[in-house]
Amino acid sequence: MEIFLDVWAEDSLSGEKTKCNEAIYTFVAVNNMGRPVKGSLEFTAETELRRN
């Protein structure tokens, strides 16, 4: 699963917004030994809408 994140700073006086960081977090399912395992994820339209 990947999560896309944008971080913005806003000047409280002028209201000007500046993008100051972005990241992509990748999550991997692991077993009790710490090894990656195949997982099954279901995404709803609501989840996908939050990304856009």
C-alpha atoms as a PDB file:
ATOM      1  CA  MET A   1       0.000   0.000   0.000  1.00  0.00           C
ATOM      2  CA  GLU A   2       1.302   3.470  -0.781  1.00  0.00           C
ATOM      3  CA  ILE A   3       0.288   6.721   0.892  1.00  0.00           C
ATOM      4  CA  PHE A   4       1.078  10.015  -0.859  1.00  0.00           C
ATOM      5  CA  LEU A   5       1.592  12.990   1.445  1.00  0.00           C
ATOM      6  CA  ASP A   6       2.020  16.714   0.760  1.00  0.00           C
ATOM      7  CA  VAL A   7       2.990  19.138   3.541  1.00  0.00           C
ATOM      8  CA  TRP A   8       2.072  22.819   3.273  1.00  0.00           C
ATOM      9  CA  ALA A   9       3.004  25.854   5.362  1.00  0.00           C
ATOM     10  CA  GLU A  10       0.664  28.828   5.519  1.00  0.00           C
ATOM     11  CA  ASP A  11       1.649  32.387   6.405  1.00  0.00           C
ATOM     12  CA  SER A  12      -0.869  33.424   9.054  1.00  0.00           C
ATOM     13  CA  LEU A  13      -0.770  37.086   7.999  1.00  0.00           C
ATOM     14  CA  SER A  14      -0.964  36.866   4.217  1.00  0.00           C
ATOM     15  CA  GLY A  15      -2.589  33.443   3.877  1.00  0.00           C
ATOM     16  CA  GLU A  16       0.047  32.471   1.303  1.00  0.00           C
ATOM     17  CA  LYS A  17       0.570  28.707   1.137  1.00  0.00           C
ATOM     18  CA  THR A  18       3.913  27.104   0.270  1.00  0.00           C
ATOM     19  CA  LYS A  19       4.497  23.416  -0.336  1.00  0.00           C
ATOM     20  CA  CYS A  20       7.429  22.498   1.885  1.00  0.00           C
ATOM     21  CA  ASN A  21       7.611  18.693   1.665  1.00  0.00           C
ATOM     22  CA  GLU A  22       6.189  15.622  -0.024  1.00  0.00           C
ATOM     23  CA  ALA A  23       6.557  11.923   0.658  1.00  0.00           C
ATOM     24  CA  ILE A  24       5.436   8.495  -0.450  1.00  0.00           C
ATOM     25  CA  TYR A  25       5.051   5.955   2.338  1.00  0.00           C
ATOM     26  CA  THR A  26       5.085   2.293   1.330  1.00  0.00           C
ATOM     27  CA  PHE A  27       3.572  -0.264   3.701  1.00  0.00           C
ATOM     28  CA  VAL A  28       4.417  -3.962   3.417  1.00  0.00           C
ATOM     29  CA  ALA A  29       2.642  -6.796   5.237  1.00  0.00           C
ATOM     30  CA  VAL A  30       5.090  -9.030   7.103  1.00  0.00           C
ATOM     31  CA  ASN A  31       4.784 -12.321   8.959  1.00  0.00           C
ATOM     32  CA  ASN A  32       5.977 -12.989  12.522  1.00  0.00           C
ATOM     33  CA  MET A  33       9.519 -13.541  11.168  1.00  0.00           C
ATOM     34  CA  GLY A  34       9.545 -10.100   9.535  1.00  0.00           C
ATOM     35  CA  ARG A  35       9.363 -11.473   6.000  1.00  0.00           C
ATOM     36  CA  PRO A  36       7.056  -9.882   3.393  1.00  0.00           C
ATOM     37  CA  VAL A  37       3.818 -11.773   2.745  1.00  0.00           C
ATOM     38  CA  LYS A  38       1.153 -11.401   0.117  1.00  0.00           C
ATOM     39  CA  GLY A  39      -1.896  -9.626   1.411  1.00  0.00           C
ATOM     40  CA  SER A  40      -5.266  -8.836  -0.002  1.00  0.00           C
ATOM     41  CA  LEU A  41      -6.475  -5.262   0.314  1.00  0.00           C
ATOM     42  CA  GLU A  42      -9.725  -3.823  -0.904  1.00  0.00           C
ATOM     43  CA  PHE A  43     -10.020  -0.140  -1.689  1.00  0.00           C
ATOM     44  CA  THR A  44     -13.269   1.729  -1.817  1.00  0.00           C
ATOM     45  CA  ALA A  45     -14.054   4.706  -4.009  1.00  0.00           C
ATOM     46  CA  GLU A  46     -13.900   6.877  -0.863  1.00  0.00           C
ATOM     47  CA  THR A  47     -10.301   5.760  -0.214  1.00  0.00           C
ATOM     48  CA  GLU A  48      -9.277   6.533  -3.769  1.00  0.00           C
ATOM     49  CA  LEU A  49     -11.000   9.931  -3.659  1.00  0.00           C
ATOM     50  CA  ARG A  50      -8.901  10.981  -0.643  1.00  0.00           C
ATOM     51  CA  ARG A  51      -5.756  10.387  -2.725  1.00  0.00           C
ATOM     52  CA  ASN A  52      -6.905  12.760  -5.461  1.00  0.00           C
END
